[in-house]
N, C-alpha and C. Protein backbone atom coordinates (compact mmCIF):
# COMPACT_ATOMS: atom_id res chain seq x y z
N MET A 1 -88.28 -23.76 -32.54
CA MET A 1 -89.01 -24.42 -31.45
C MET A 1 -88.03 -24.84 -30.37
N ASP A 2 -88.35 -24.46 -29.12
CA ASP A 2 -87.50 -24.94 -28.03
C ASP A 2 -87.69 -26.40 -27.81
N ASP A 3 -86.63 -27.07 -27.44
CA ASP A 3 -86.69 -28.50 -27.12
C ASP A 3 -87.56 -28.72 -25.91
N LEU A 4 -88.27 -29.81 -25.90
CA LEU A 4 -89.01 -30.21 -24.70
C LEU A 4 -88.04 -30.71 -23.68
N PRO A 5 -88.28 -30.39 -22.39
CA PRO A 5 -87.48 -30.99 -21.33
C PRO A 5 -87.76 -32.48 -21.27
N LEU A 6 -86.69 -33.22 -21.11
CA LEU A 6 -86.78 -34.67 -21.08
C LEU A 6 -87.03 -35.13 -19.65
N ILE A 7 -88.08 -35.95 -19.44
CA ILE A 7 -88.53 -36.39 -18.11
C ILE A 7 -88.45 -37.93 -18.07
N LEU A 8 -87.78 -38.46 -17.10
CA LEU A 8 -87.72 -39.90 -16.85
C LEU A 8 -88.77 -40.23 -15.80
N ALA A 9 -89.81 -40.98 -16.19
CA ALA A 9 -90.86 -41.37 -15.26
C ALA A 9 -90.45 -42.63 -14.54
N SER A 10 -89.44 -42.55 -13.74
CA SER A 10 -88.98 -43.70 -13.00
C SER A 10 -88.01 -43.27 -11.89
N GLN A 11 -88.06 -44.04 -10.79
CA GLN A 11 -87.08 -43.78 -9.72
C GLN A 11 -85.99 -44.80 -9.74
N SER A 12 -85.91 -45.62 -10.80
CA SER A 12 -84.89 -46.64 -10.91
C SER A 12 -83.50 -46.02 -11.10
N PRO A 13 -82.57 -46.31 -10.24
CA PRO A 13 -81.19 -45.78 -10.37
C PRO A 13 -80.53 -46.34 -11.63
N ARG A 14 -80.93 -47.53 -12.08
CA ARG A 14 -80.33 -48.13 -13.25
C ARG A 14 -80.78 -47.39 -14.52
N ARG A 15 -82.03 -47.03 -14.58
CA ARG A 15 -82.51 -46.29 -15.76
C ARG A 15 -81.89 -44.90 -15.75
N ARG A 16 -81.75 -44.27 -14.62
CA ARG A 16 -81.11 -42.97 -14.57
C ARG A 16 -79.69 -43.07 -15.08
N GLN A 17 -79.00 -44.13 -14.64
CA GLN A 17 -77.57 -44.28 -15.04
C GLN A 17 -77.44 -44.52 -16.51
N LEU A 18 -78.31 -45.31 -17.09
CA LEU A 18 -78.23 -45.56 -18.52
C LEU A 18 -78.44 -44.31 -19.33
N LEU A 19 -79.38 -43.48 -18.95
CA LEU A 19 -79.61 -42.19 -19.64
C LEU A 19 -78.44 -41.28 -19.47
N ALA A 20 -77.93 -41.19 -18.20
CA ALA A 20 -76.81 -40.29 -17.97
C ALA A 20 -75.56 -40.72 -18.70
N ASP A 21 -75.29 -42.01 -18.72
CA ASP A 21 -74.08 -42.50 -19.39
C ASP A 21 -74.15 -42.26 -20.90
N ALA A 22 -75.39 -42.20 -21.44
CA ALA A 22 -75.58 -41.94 -22.85
C ALA A 22 -75.50 -40.46 -23.16
N GLY A 23 -75.41 -39.60 -22.18
CA GLY A 23 -75.25 -38.19 -22.42
C GLY A 23 -76.52 -37.36 -22.41
N PHE A 24 -77.64 -37.97 -22.07
CA PHE A 24 -78.93 -37.22 -22.04
C PHE A 24 -79.03 -36.35 -20.80
N ILE A 25 -79.64 -35.21 -20.97
CA ILE A 25 -79.93 -34.28 -19.86
C ILE A 25 -81.42 -34.44 -19.62
N PHE A 26 -81.77 -34.76 -18.35
CA PHE A 26 -83.14 -35.10 -18.05
C PHE A 26 -83.48 -34.85 -16.58
N THR A 27 -84.77 -34.81 -16.26
CA THR A 27 -85.27 -34.68 -14.91
C THR A 27 -86.04 -35.95 -14.51
N VAL A 28 -85.91 -36.35 -13.29
CA VAL A 28 -86.61 -37.52 -12.81
C VAL A 28 -87.92 -37.14 -12.12
N ARG A 29 -89.03 -37.74 -12.61
CA ARG A 29 -90.32 -37.49 -11.99
C ARG A 29 -91.02 -38.88 -11.88
N PRO A 30 -90.85 -39.60 -10.77
CA PRO A 30 -91.42 -40.91 -10.67
C PRO A 30 -92.94 -40.84 -10.66
N PRO A 31 -93.61 -41.87 -11.23
CA PRO A 31 -95.07 -41.89 -11.14
C PRO A 31 -95.51 -42.21 -9.74
N ASP A 32 -96.77 -42.00 -9.44
CA ASP A 32 -97.32 -42.35 -8.13
C ASP A 32 -97.31 -43.85 -7.98
N ALA A 33 -97.31 -44.27 -6.72
CA ALA A 33 -97.25 -45.72 -6.44
C ALA A 33 -98.46 -46.44 -6.98
N ASN A 34 -99.56 -45.77 -7.06
CA ASN A 34 -100.81 -46.42 -7.54
C ASN A 34 -101.06 -46.18 -9.02
N ALA A 35 -99.99 -45.79 -9.75
CA ALA A 35 -100.19 -45.47 -11.21
C ALA A 35 -100.37 -46.73 -12.05
N GLU A 36 -99.99 -47.88 -11.51
CA GLU A 36 -100.04 -49.11 -12.29
C GLU A 36 -101.10 -50.07 -11.70
N ASN A 37 -101.73 -50.80 -12.64
CA ASN A 37 -102.67 -51.83 -12.25
C ASN A 37 -102.01 -53.19 -12.40
N ARG A 38 -102.47 -54.14 -11.68
CA ARG A 38 -101.95 -55.47 -11.79
C ARG A 38 -102.31 -56.07 -13.16
N ARG A 39 -101.66 -57.18 -13.51
CA ARG A 39 -101.95 -57.84 -14.74
C ARG A 39 -103.39 -58.30 -14.81
N GLN A 40 -104.02 -58.05 -15.92
CA GLN A 40 -105.43 -58.39 -16.08
C GLN A 40 -105.54 -59.83 -16.63
N PRO A 41 -106.68 -60.48 -16.37
CA PRO A 41 -106.89 -61.82 -16.87
C PRO A 41 -106.71 -61.93 -18.39
N ASN A 42 -105.99 -62.92 -18.83
CA ASN A 42 -105.74 -63.14 -20.26
C ASN A 42 -104.93 -62.04 -20.94
N GLU A 43 -104.29 -61.18 -20.18
CA GLU A 43 -103.48 -60.15 -20.75
C GLU A 43 -102.12 -60.72 -21.14
N THR A 44 -101.69 -60.52 -22.36
CA THR A 44 -100.35 -61.06 -22.77
C THR A 44 -99.26 -60.28 -22.09
N PRO A 45 -98.09 -60.86 -21.97
CA PRO A 45 -96.97 -60.13 -21.38
C PRO A 45 -96.63 -58.87 -22.10
N LYS A 46 -96.67 -58.89 -23.45
CA LYS A 46 -96.41 -57.69 -24.23
C LYS A 46 -97.40 -56.56 -23.98
N HIS A 47 -98.67 -56.91 -23.96
CA HIS A 47 -99.71 -55.88 -23.69
C HIS A 47 -99.54 -55.41 -22.23
N TYR A 48 -99.18 -56.26 -21.32
CA TYR A 48 -99.01 -55.89 -19.94
C TYR A 48 -97.91 -54.85 -19.71
N VAL A 49 -96.72 -55.09 -20.28
CA VAL A 49 -95.64 -54.09 -20.04
C VAL A 49 -95.91 -52.83 -20.84
N ASN A 50 -96.54 -52.90 -21.98
CA ASN A 50 -96.87 -51.69 -22.72
C ASN A 50 -97.90 -50.84 -21.98
N ARG A 51 -98.90 -51.54 -21.44
CA ARG A 51 -99.93 -50.84 -20.69
C ARG A 51 -99.39 -50.14 -19.47
N LEU A 52 -98.51 -50.85 -18.69
CA LEU A 52 -97.94 -50.26 -17.53
C LEU A 52 -97.06 -49.02 -17.85
N ALA A 53 -96.28 -49.14 -18.95
CA ALA A 53 -95.46 -48.02 -19.38
C ALA A 53 -96.35 -46.80 -19.70
N LEU A 54 -97.42 -47.06 -20.40
CA LEU A 54 -98.34 -45.93 -20.76
C LEU A 54 -98.99 -45.36 -19.55
N GLN A 55 -99.36 -46.19 -18.57
CA GLN A 55 -99.98 -45.65 -17.35
C GLN A 55 -98.98 -44.78 -16.57
N LYS A 56 -97.74 -45.23 -16.52
CA LYS A 56 -96.71 -44.39 -15.85
C LYS A 56 -96.58 -43.03 -16.57
N ALA A 57 -96.49 -43.08 -17.87
CA ALA A 57 -96.29 -41.84 -18.64
C ALA A 57 -97.47 -40.88 -18.44
N ASN A 58 -98.69 -41.42 -18.48
CA ASN A 58 -99.89 -40.58 -18.31
C ASN A 58 -99.93 -40.01 -16.88
N ASN A 59 -99.55 -40.80 -15.91
CA ASN A 59 -99.62 -40.33 -14.54
C ASN A 59 -98.66 -39.13 -14.34
N VAL A 60 -97.46 -39.20 -14.91
CA VAL A 60 -96.51 -38.10 -14.77
C VAL A 60 -96.94 -36.92 -15.63
N ALA A 61 -97.45 -37.19 -16.83
CA ALA A 61 -97.86 -36.11 -17.74
C ALA A 61 -98.95 -35.24 -17.14
N ALA A 62 -99.78 -35.84 -16.30
CA ALA A 62 -100.88 -35.11 -15.68
C ALA A 62 -100.42 -34.05 -14.71
N LYS A 63 -99.17 -34.16 -14.30
CA LYS A 63 -98.60 -33.19 -13.35
C LYS A 63 -97.73 -32.14 -13.96
N LEU A 64 -97.54 -32.21 -15.30
CA LEU A 64 -96.60 -31.35 -15.99
C LEU A 64 -97.29 -30.48 -17.02
N GLU A 65 -96.78 -29.29 -17.27
CA GLU A 65 -97.30 -28.48 -18.33
C GLU A 65 -96.75 -28.91 -19.70
N GLN A 66 -95.50 -29.35 -19.69
CA GLN A 66 -94.87 -29.83 -20.91
C GLN A 66 -93.73 -30.70 -20.59
N GLY A 67 -93.34 -31.49 -21.56
CA GLY A 67 -92.20 -32.43 -21.38
C GLY A 67 -92.33 -33.60 -22.33
N LEU A 68 -91.18 -34.19 -22.61
CA LEU A 68 -91.14 -35.44 -23.34
C LEU A 68 -90.80 -36.54 -22.28
N ILE A 69 -91.81 -37.29 -22.00
CA ILE A 69 -91.76 -38.26 -20.89
C ILE A 69 -91.36 -39.64 -21.38
N ILE A 70 -90.39 -40.20 -20.71
CA ILE A 70 -89.95 -41.57 -20.99
C ILE A 70 -90.45 -42.48 -19.82
N ALA A 71 -91.19 -43.50 -20.20
CA ALA A 71 -91.67 -44.44 -19.22
C ALA A 71 -91.41 -45.86 -19.67
N CYS A 72 -91.06 -46.74 -18.73
CA CYS A 72 -90.71 -48.10 -19.14
C CYS A 72 -91.14 -49.06 -18.05
N ASP A 73 -91.48 -50.28 -18.46
CA ASP A 73 -91.77 -51.35 -17.52
C ASP A 73 -91.15 -52.63 -18.03
N THR A 74 -90.51 -53.36 -17.14
CA THR A 74 -89.74 -54.56 -17.54
C THR A 74 -90.15 -55.78 -16.68
N VAL A 75 -90.34 -56.91 -17.32
CA VAL A 75 -90.55 -58.16 -16.63
C VAL A 75 -89.65 -59.24 -17.25
N VAL A 76 -89.51 -60.31 -16.51
CA VAL A 76 -88.78 -61.51 -16.97
C VAL A 76 -89.78 -62.61 -17.22
N LEU A 77 -89.64 -63.31 -18.35
CA LEU A 77 -90.48 -64.44 -18.67
C LEU A 77 -89.63 -65.70 -18.61
N CYS A 78 -90.12 -66.65 -17.87
CA CYS A 78 -89.42 -67.96 -17.77
C CYS A 78 -90.46 -69.06 -17.74
N LYS A 79 -90.37 -69.94 -18.76
CA LYS A 79 -91.33 -71.05 -18.87
C LYS A 79 -92.76 -70.53 -18.79
N ASP A 80 -93.06 -69.46 -19.54
CA ASP A 80 -94.40 -68.86 -19.62
C ASP A 80 -94.86 -68.26 -18.30
N ARG A 81 -93.97 -68.09 -17.39
CA ARG A 81 -94.33 -67.43 -16.11
C ARG A 81 -93.71 -66.04 -16.06
N ILE A 82 -94.45 -65.04 -15.67
CA ILE A 82 -93.94 -63.68 -15.55
C ILE A 82 -93.33 -63.50 -14.18
N LEU A 83 -92.10 -63.06 -14.18
CA LEU A 83 -91.37 -62.79 -12.94
C LEU A 83 -91.16 -61.27 -12.84
N GLU A 84 -91.76 -60.64 -11.83
CA GLU A 84 -91.61 -59.23 -11.64
C GLU A 84 -90.63 -58.98 -10.49
N LYS A 85 -90.73 -57.82 -9.83
CA LYS A 85 -89.84 -57.55 -8.72
C LYS A 85 -90.23 -58.42 -7.52
N PRO A 86 -89.24 -59.08 -6.89
CA PRO A 86 -89.60 -59.97 -5.76
C PRO A 86 -90.13 -59.13 -4.56
N ALA A 87 -91.07 -59.71 -3.87
CA ALA A 87 -91.64 -59.01 -2.68
C ALA A 87 -90.67 -59.02 -1.50
N ASP A 88 -89.89 -60.09 -1.39
CA ASP A 88 -88.96 -60.20 -0.27
C ASP A 88 -87.91 -61.27 -0.61
N ARG A 89 -87.06 -61.59 0.33
CA ARG A 89 -85.98 -62.52 0.11
C ARG A 89 -86.50 -63.90 -0.27
N ASP A 90 -87.55 -64.37 0.42
CA ASP A 90 -88.06 -65.69 0.08
C ASP A 90 -88.60 -65.71 -1.34
N ASP A 91 -89.28 -64.67 -1.73
CA ASP A 91 -89.82 -64.58 -3.10
C ASP A 91 -88.67 -64.58 -4.10
N ALA A 92 -87.60 -63.85 -3.77
CA ALA A 92 -86.45 -63.80 -4.66
C ALA A 92 -85.80 -65.18 -4.78
N ARG A 93 -85.70 -65.89 -3.66
CA ARG A 93 -85.09 -67.22 -3.69
C ARG A 93 -85.88 -68.18 -4.59
N GLN A 94 -87.22 -68.10 -4.46
CA GLN A 94 -88.05 -68.97 -5.28
C GLN A 94 -87.91 -68.62 -6.77
N MET A 95 -87.82 -67.35 -7.08
CA MET A 95 -87.62 -66.98 -8.49
C MET A 95 -86.32 -67.52 -9.03
N LEU A 96 -85.21 -67.34 -8.30
CA LEU A 96 -83.90 -67.78 -8.79
C LEU A 96 -83.84 -69.30 -8.92
N ARG A 97 -84.45 -70.01 -7.99
CA ARG A 97 -84.46 -71.46 -8.08
C ARG A 97 -85.26 -71.92 -9.29
N PHE A 98 -86.38 -71.22 -9.55
CA PHE A 98 -87.21 -71.50 -10.71
C PHE A 98 -86.50 -71.25 -12.02
N SER A 99 -85.67 -70.18 -12.04
CA SER A 99 -85.04 -69.67 -13.28
C SER A 99 -83.73 -70.35 -13.59
N ARG A 100 -83.01 -70.93 -12.64
CA ARG A 100 -81.66 -71.43 -12.89
C ARG A 100 -81.71 -72.56 -13.93
N GLY A 101 -80.72 -72.50 -14.81
CA GLY A 101 -80.61 -73.47 -15.89
C GLY A 101 -81.56 -73.24 -17.02
N GLN A 102 -82.26 -72.11 -17.03
CA GLN A 102 -83.31 -71.91 -18.00
C GLN A 102 -82.96 -70.74 -18.97
N VAL A 103 -83.46 -70.85 -20.16
CA VAL A 103 -83.45 -69.73 -21.12
C VAL A 103 -84.64 -68.82 -20.74
N GLN A 104 -84.35 -67.50 -20.64
CA GLN A 104 -85.40 -66.59 -20.24
C GLN A 104 -85.48 -65.43 -21.21
N SER A 105 -86.60 -64.71 -21.15
CA SER A 105 -86.79 -63.51 -21.95
C SER A 105 -87.00 -62.31 -21.03
N VAL A 106 -86.36 -61.21 -21.34
CA VAL A 106 -86.58 -59.95 -20.62
C VAL A 106 -87.34 -59.10 -21.56
N LEU A 107 -88.54 -58.70 -21.14
CA LEU A 107 -89.49 -57.93 -21.98
C LEU A 107 -89.73 -56.58 -21.38
N SER A 108 -89.53 -55.54 -22.20
CA SER A 108 -89.76 -54.16 -21.72
C SER A 108 -90.73 -53.44 -22.65
N GLY A 109 -91.71 -52.76 -22.04
CA GLY A 109 -92.59 -51.85 -22.76
C GLY A 109 -92.02 -50.41 -22.60
N LEU A 110 -91.82 -49.70 -23.68
CA LEU A 110 -91.27 -48.34 -23.64
C LEU A 110 -92.26 -47.37 -24.21
N CYS A 111 -92.51 -46.30 -23.51
CA CYS A 111 -93.49 -45.28 -23.96
C CYS A 111 -92.84 -43.91 -23.94
N LEU A 112 -93.06 -43.15 -25.02
CA LEU A 112 -92.65 -41.75 -25.11
C LEU A 112 -93.94 -40.91 -25.26
N LEU A 113 -94.11 -39.93 -24.36
CA LEU A 113 -95.29 -39.08 -24.40
C LEU A 113 -94.83 -37.63 -24.47
N ALA A 114 -95.20 -36.96 -25.57
CA ALA A 114 -94.82 -35.54 -25.71
C ALA A 114 -96.07 -34.74 -25.38
N LYS A 115 -95.90 -33.80 -24.49
CA LYS A 115 -97.05 -32.98 -24.02
C LYS A 115 -96.84 -31.51 -24.22
N SER A 116 -97.89 -30.82 -24.68
CA SER A 116 -97.91 -29.40 -24.80
C SER A 116 -97.01 -28.76 -25.81
N VAL A 117 -96.89 -29.44 -26.95
CA VAL A 117 -96.27 -28.84 -28.12
C VAL A 117 -97.37 -28.69 -29.15
N PRO A 118 -97.61 -27.49 -29.69
CA PRO A 118 -98.77 -27.27 -30.56
C PRO A 118 -98.89 -28.30 -31.68
N GLU A 119 -97.77 -28.61 -32.34
CA GLU A 119 -97.82 -29.55 -33.45
C GLU A 119 -97.87 -30.99 -32.99
N ASN A 120 -97.62 -31.28 -31.71
CA ASN A 120 -97.52 -32.66 -31.24
C ASN A 120 -98.24 -32.86 -29.90
N ALA A 121 -99.23 -32.05 -29.62
CA ALA A 121 -99.89 -32.10 -28.34
C ALA A 121 -100.44 -33.52 -28.08
N GLY A 122 -99.99 -34.09 -27.03
CA GLY A 122 -100.45 -35.42 -26.67
C GLY A 122 -99.87 -36.56 -27.48
N THR A 123 -98.85 -36.34 -28.29
CA THR A 123 -98.24 -37.39 -29.08
C THR A 123 -97.72 -38.52 -28.20
N THR A 124 -98.08 -39.76 -28.45
CA THR A 124 -97.59 -40.90 -27.70
C THR A 124 -97.15 -41.97 -28.68
N ILE A 125 -95.97 -42.49 -28.50
CA ILE A 125 -95.51 -43.67 -29.24
C ILE A 125 -95.02 -44.72 -28.28
N ALA A 126 -95.16 -45.95 -28.67
CA ALA A 126 -94.78 -47.07 -27.79
C ALA A 126 -94.07 -48.16 -28.53
N GLY A 127 -93.27 -48.90 -27.89
CA GLY A 127 -92.56 -50.02 -28.45
C GLY A 127 -92.23 -51.07 -27.41
N THR A 128 -91.83 -52.24 -27.87
CA THR A 128 -91.51 -53.33 -26.98
C THR A 128 -90.17 -53.91 -27.41
N ASP A 129 -89.31 -54.24 -26.43
CA ASP A 129 -88.04 -54.85 -26.71
C ASP A 129 -87.93 -56.20 -25.96
N LYS A 130 -87.21 -57.10 -26.57
CA LYS A 130 -87.07 -58.45 -25.96
C LYS A 130 -85.63 -58.89 -26.07
N THR A 131 -85.12 -59.38 -24.95
CA THR A 131 -83.74 -59.91 -24.89
C THR A 131 -83.87 -61.32 -24.32
N THR A 132 -83.10 -62.23 -24.95
CA THR A 132 -83.06 -63.65 -24.51
C THR A 132 -81.76 -63.87 -23.83
N LEU A 133 -81.81 -64.51 -22.69
CA LEU A 133 -80.57 -64.83 -21.93
C LEU A 133 -80.66 -66.20 -21.30
N LEU A 134 -79.52 -66.69 -20.89
CA LEU A 134 -79.41 -67.97 -20.23
C LEU A 134 -78.90 -67.78 -18.86
N MET A 135 -79.54 -68.39 -17.88
CA MET A 135 -79.03 -68.45 -16.53
C MET A 135 -78.44 -69.85 -16.31
N GLN A 136 -77.22 -69.93 -15.89
CA GLN A 136 -76.59 -71.19 -15.59
C GLN A 136 -77.24 -71.89 -14.43
N PRO A 137 -77.12 -73.21 -14.28
CA PRO A 137 -77.72 -73.93 -13.19
C PRO A 137 -76.97 -73.68 -11.86
N ILE A 138 -77.15 -72.50 -11.32
CA ILE A 138 -76.39 -72.09 -10.12
C ILE A 138 -76.89 -72.91 -8.94
N THR A 139 -76.03 -73.05 -7.92
CA THR A 139 -76.32 -73.86 -6.73
C THR A 139 -77.11 -73.07 -5.73
N ASP A 140 -77.68 -73.78 -4.76
CA ASP A 140 -78.41 -73.09 -3.65
C ASP A 140 -77.45 -72.15 -2.92
N SER A 141 -76.22 -72.56 -2.78
CA SER A 141 -75.19 -71.77 -2.04
C SER A 141 -74.95 -70.45 -2.81
N GLU A 142 -74.83 -70.51 -4.18
CA GLU A 142 -74.65 -69.33 -4.94
C GLU A 142 -75.85 -68.40 -4.87
N ILE A 143 -77.01 -69.01 -4.82
CA ILE A 143 -78.24 -68.19 -4.68
C ILE A 143 -78.22 -67.43 -3.35
N GLU A 144 -77.86 -68.17 -2.28
CA GLU A 144 -77.89 -67.48 -0.98
C GLU A 144 -76.80 -66.39 -0.89
N ASP A 145 -75.67 -66.63 -1.51
CA ASP A 145 -74.65 -65.57 -1.54
C ASP A 145 -75.16 -64.33 -2.22
N TYR A 146 -75.89 -64.52 -3.32
CA TYR A 146 -76.42 -63.38 -4.03
C TYR A 146 -77.53 -62.69 -3.21
N LEU A 147 -78.39 -63.48 -2.59
CA LEU A 147 -79.39 -62.91 -1.70
C LEU A 147 -78.76 -62.12 -0.57
N ASP A 148 -77.66 -62.57 -0.05
CA ASP A 148 -77.00 -61.85 1.02
C ASP A 148 -76.50 -60.49 0.57
N SER A 149 -76.20 -60.38 -0.70
CA SER A 149 -75.66 -59.10 -1.22
C SER A 149 -76.73 -58.02 -1.28
N GLY A 150 -78.01 -58.39 -1.35
CA GLY A 150 -79.11 -57.46 -1.42
C GLY A 150 -79.27 -56.82 -2.82
N LEU A 151 -78.46 -57.24 -3.77
CA LEU A 151 -78.46 -56.62 -5.12
C LEU A 151 -79.73 -57.00 -5.89
N TRP A 152 -80.44 -58.00 -5.42
CA TRP A 152 -81.66 -58.48 -6.13
C TRP A 152 -82.86 -57.55 -5.87
N CYS A 153 -82.77 -56.70 -4.85
CA CYS A 153 -83.91 -55.86 -4.49
C CYS A 153 -84.36 -54.96 -5.61
N GLY A 154 -85.64 -54.95 -5.87
CA GLY A 154 -86.17 -54.05 -6.89
C GLY A 154 -85.89 -54.42 -8.32
N LYS A 155 -85.48 -55.64 -8.57
CA LYS A 155 -85.09 -56.05 -9.93
C LYS A 155 -86.02 -57.19 -10.39
N ALA A 156 -86.59 -56.98 -11.57
CA ALA A 156 -87.41 -58.01 -12.19
C ALA A 156 -86.68 -59.35 -12.28
N GLY A 157 -87.35 -60.45 -11.88
CA GLY A 157 -86.69 -61.72 -11.95
C GLY A 157 -85.74 -62.02 -10.82
N ALA A 158 -85.54 -61.01 -9.96
CA ALA A 158 -84.64 -61.12 -8.77
C ALA A 158 -83.17 -61.20 -9.12
N PHE A 159 -82.81 -60.66 -10.27
CA PHE A 159 -81.38 -60.60 -10.62
C PHE A 159 -81.10 -59.33 -11.42
N GLY A 160 -79.80 -58.95 -11.38
CA GLY A 160 -79.37 -57.79 -12.15
C GLY A 160 -78.21 -58.16 -13.08
N TYR A 161 -78.47 -58.06 -14.34
CA TYR A 161 -77.38 -58.38 -15.30
C TYR A 161 -76.16 -57.49 -15.14
N GLN A 162 -76.46 -56.22 -14.72
CA GLN A 162 -75.38 -55.27 -14.50
C GLN A 162 -74.44 -55.69 -13.30
N ASP A 163 -74.90 -56.66 -12.52
CA ASP A 163 -74.08 -57.10 -11.39
C ASP A 163 -72.90 -57.99 -11.91
N ARG A 164 -72.91 -58.24 -13.24
CA ARG A 164 -71.81 -58.96 -13.89
C ARG A 164 -71.58 -60.37 -13.37
N HIS A 165 -72.66 -61.11 -13.24
CA HIS A 165 -72.57 -62.51 -12.86
C HIS A 165 -72.10 -63.34 -14.01
N ASP A 166 -71.20 -64.31 -13.76
CA ASP A 166 -70.80 -65.20 -14.79
C ASP A 166 -71.86 -66.27 -15.06
N TRP A 167 -72.95 -66.25 -14.28
CA TRP A 167 -74.03 -67.22 -14.50
C TRP A 167 -75.16 -66.66 -15.35
N LEU A 168 -74.96 -65.45 -15.92
CA LEU A 168 -75.91 -64.88 -16.83
C LEU A 168 -75.25 -64.55 -18.15
N SER A 169 -75.81 -64.94 -19.27
CA SER A 169 -75.23 -64.60 -20.58
C SER A 169 -76.36 -64.29 -21.56
N VAL A 170 -76.12 -63.33 -22.42
CA VAL A 170 -77.11 -62.91 -23.40
C VAL A 170 -76.99 -63.81 -24.64
N ILE A 171 -78.11 -64.31 -25.07
CA ILE A 171 -78.19 -65.14 -26.27
C ILE A 171 -78.49 -64.23 -27.46
N GLU A 172 -79.46 -63.32 -27.29
CA GLU A 172 -79.85 -62.45 -28.36
C GLU A 172 -80.55 -61.19 -27.77
N GLY A 173 -80.16 -59.99 -28.31
CA GLY A 173 -80.86 -58.80 -27.92
C GLY A 173 -80.00 -57.82 -27.14
N SER A 174 -80.62 -56.84 -26.64
CA SER A 174 -80.01 -55.68 -25.98
C SER A 174 -79.65 -55.93 -24.53
N GLU A 175 -78.42 -55.58 -24.17
CA GLU A 175 -77.99 -55.70 -22.79
C GLU A 175 -78.66 -54.63 -21.92
N SER A 176 -78.78 -53.42 -22.47
CA SER A 176 -79.39 -52.33 -21.72
C SER A 176 -80.86 -52.65 -21.35
N ASN A 177 -81.51 -53.43 -22.20
CA ASN A 177 -82.88 -53.82 -21.94
C ASN A 177 -82.96 -54.65 -20.66
N ILE A 178 -81.98 -55.55 -20.46
CA ILE A 178 -81.95 -56.35 -19.24
C ILE A 178 -81.76 -55.46 -18.02
N VAL A 179 -80.98 -54.44 -18.16
CA VAL A 179 -80.71 -53.54 -17.04
C VAL A 179 -81.97 -52.76 -16.71
N GLY A 180 -82.84 -52.47 -17.72
CA GLY A 180 -84.09 -51.84 -17.40
C GLY A 180 -84.55 -50.75 -18.39
N LEU A 181 -83.73 -50.39 -19.38
CA LEU A 181 -84.14 -49.36 -20.33
C LEU A 181 -83.47 -49.65 -21.67
N PRO A 182 -84.24 -50.14 -22.68
CA PRO A 182 -83.67 -50.50 -23.96
C PRO A 182 -83.21 -49.29 -24.75
N MET A 183 -81.94 -48.95 -24.69
CA MET A 183 -81.44 -47.72 -25.26
C MET A 183 -81.51 -47.68 -26.75
N GLU A 184 -81.29 -48.82 -27.38
CA GLU A 184 -81.38 -48.86 -28.84
C GLU A 184 -82.76 -48.51 -29.32
N LEU A 185 -83.76 -49.15 -28.66
CA LEU A 185 -85.18 -48.85 -29.01
C LEU A 185 -85.51 -47.38 -28.71
N LEU A 186 -85.01 -46.88 -27.59
CA LEU A 186 -85.27 -45.49 -27.23
C LEU A 186 -84.78 -44.53 -28.31
N ARG A 187 -83.58 -44.77 -28.79
CA ARG A 187 -83.06 -43.89 -29.85
C ARG A 187 -83.89 -44.00 -31.12
N GLN A 188 -84.32 -45.17 -31.46
CA GLN A 188 -85.14 -45.38 -32.65
C GLN A 188 -86.49 -44.62 -32.45
N MET A 189 -87.06 -44.71 -31.32
CA MET A 189 -88.34 -44.05 -31.09
C MET A 189 -88.19 -42.53 -31.08
N LEU A 190 -87.10 -42.03 -30.50
CA LEU A 190 -86.86 -40.60 -30.57
C LEU A 190 -86.75 -40.12 -31.98
N GLY A 191 -86.12 -40.94 -32.82
CA GLY A 191 -85.97 -40.57 -34.22
C GLY A 191 -87.29 -40.55 -35.00
N ASN A 192 -88.28 -41.31 -34.45
CA ASN A 192 -89.60 -41.40 -35.11
C ASN A 192 -90.52 -40.22 -34.75
N LEU A 193 -90.10 -39.42 -33.73
CA LEU A 193 -90.89 -38.26 -33.37
C LEU A 193 -90.68 -37.17 -34.47
N LYS A 194 -91.62 -36.24 -34.48
CA LYS A 194 -91.56 -35.17 -35.49
C LYS A 194 -90.22 -34.47 -35.38
N PRO A 195 -89.55 -34.12 -36.47
CA PRO A 195 -88.24 -33.47 -36.43
C PRO A 195 -88.29 -32.21 -35.54
N ASN A 196 -87.20 -32.04 -34.80
CA ASN A 196 -86.99 -30.89 -33.90
C ASN A 196 -87.86 -30.93 -32.63
N ILE A 197 -88.65 -31.97 -32.45
CA ILE A 197 -89.42 -32.03 -31.21
C ILE A 197 -88.44 -32.25 -30.03
N TYR A 198 -87.38 -32.97 -30.29
CA TYR A 198 -86.38 -33.18 -29.21
C TYR A 198 -85.03 -33.45 -29.81
N SER A 199 -84.05 -32.77 -29.32
CA SER A 199 -82.66 -33.11 -29.74
C SER A 199 -81.79 -33.14 -28.49
N ALA A 200 -81.32 -34.29 -28.15
CA ALA A 200 -80.57 -34.45 -26.93
C ALA A 200 -79.04 -34.57 -27.23
N PRO A 201 -78.24 -33.99 -26.34
CA PRO A 201 -76.85 -34.29 -26.44
C PRO A 201 -76.61 -35.78 -26.26
N PHE A 202 -75.77 -36.34 -27.02
CA PHE A 202 -75.61 -37.80 -26.95
C PHE A 202 -74.13 -38.13 -27.14
N SER A 203 -73.58 -38.86 -26.21
CA SER A 203 -72.18 -39.20 -26.28
C SER A 203 -71.94 -40.73 -26.21
N GLY A 204 -73.02 -41.49 -26.09
CA GLY A 204 -72.84 -42.95 -25.92
C GLY A 204 -72.52 -43.61 -27.25
N GLN A 205 -72.25 -44.91 -27.20
CA GLN A 205 -71.91 -45.67 -28.38
C GLN A 205 -72.96 -46.71 -28.63
N ILE A 206 -74.24 -46.25 -28.74
CA ILE A 206 -75.31 -47.15 -28.95
C ILE A 206 -75.43 -47.48 -30.46
N THR A 207 -75.54 -48.73 -30.76
CA THR A 207 -75.68 -49.20 -32.16
C THR A 207 -77.12 -49.43 -32.44
N GLU A 208 -77.64 -48.84 -33.49
CA GLU A 208 -79.05 -48.98 -33.84
C GLU A 208 -79.25 -50.19 -34.71
């Protein structure tokens, strides 16, 4: 059986970099802008990120004859409030002021959808990863310096762990999950697929 082509359903440069650094060969096919729905009333954060990941995967799958599609959605939870990507600088400032000095959770829904393989037609598996981190009580001046950098754009919670700030530290869980794609969970889920459905070259040092 020929391997399915690996498809990343995301335009995130951070997710692309994580996959590439791990040695995977893949194609990028972002979902349509309207592929995701807003959070529904009484929807838990876990269900929310899992649903969005599935919607992204289904949206991309509808355009392809075959492929193993990876889709992910990530949010930050702080004091029971969901922090997604900031709409603008003011929104980012409010998020950072709200989050400083707080323990937070980064929650990702990860979906693998295998399409057009006779033995696995339409196979979909999903998982959720959670990382706990602490943001130091940074000052307004430090927040403004970070906002000036523009690095907050497009990042859940208005911060990027990969920017190597000394005001962010992991308490428990995966660092790659904070960046946007939980690589440990991805490898576990790939291993749960039917044997030979996908075998990727892999050169990273991911610990399962």
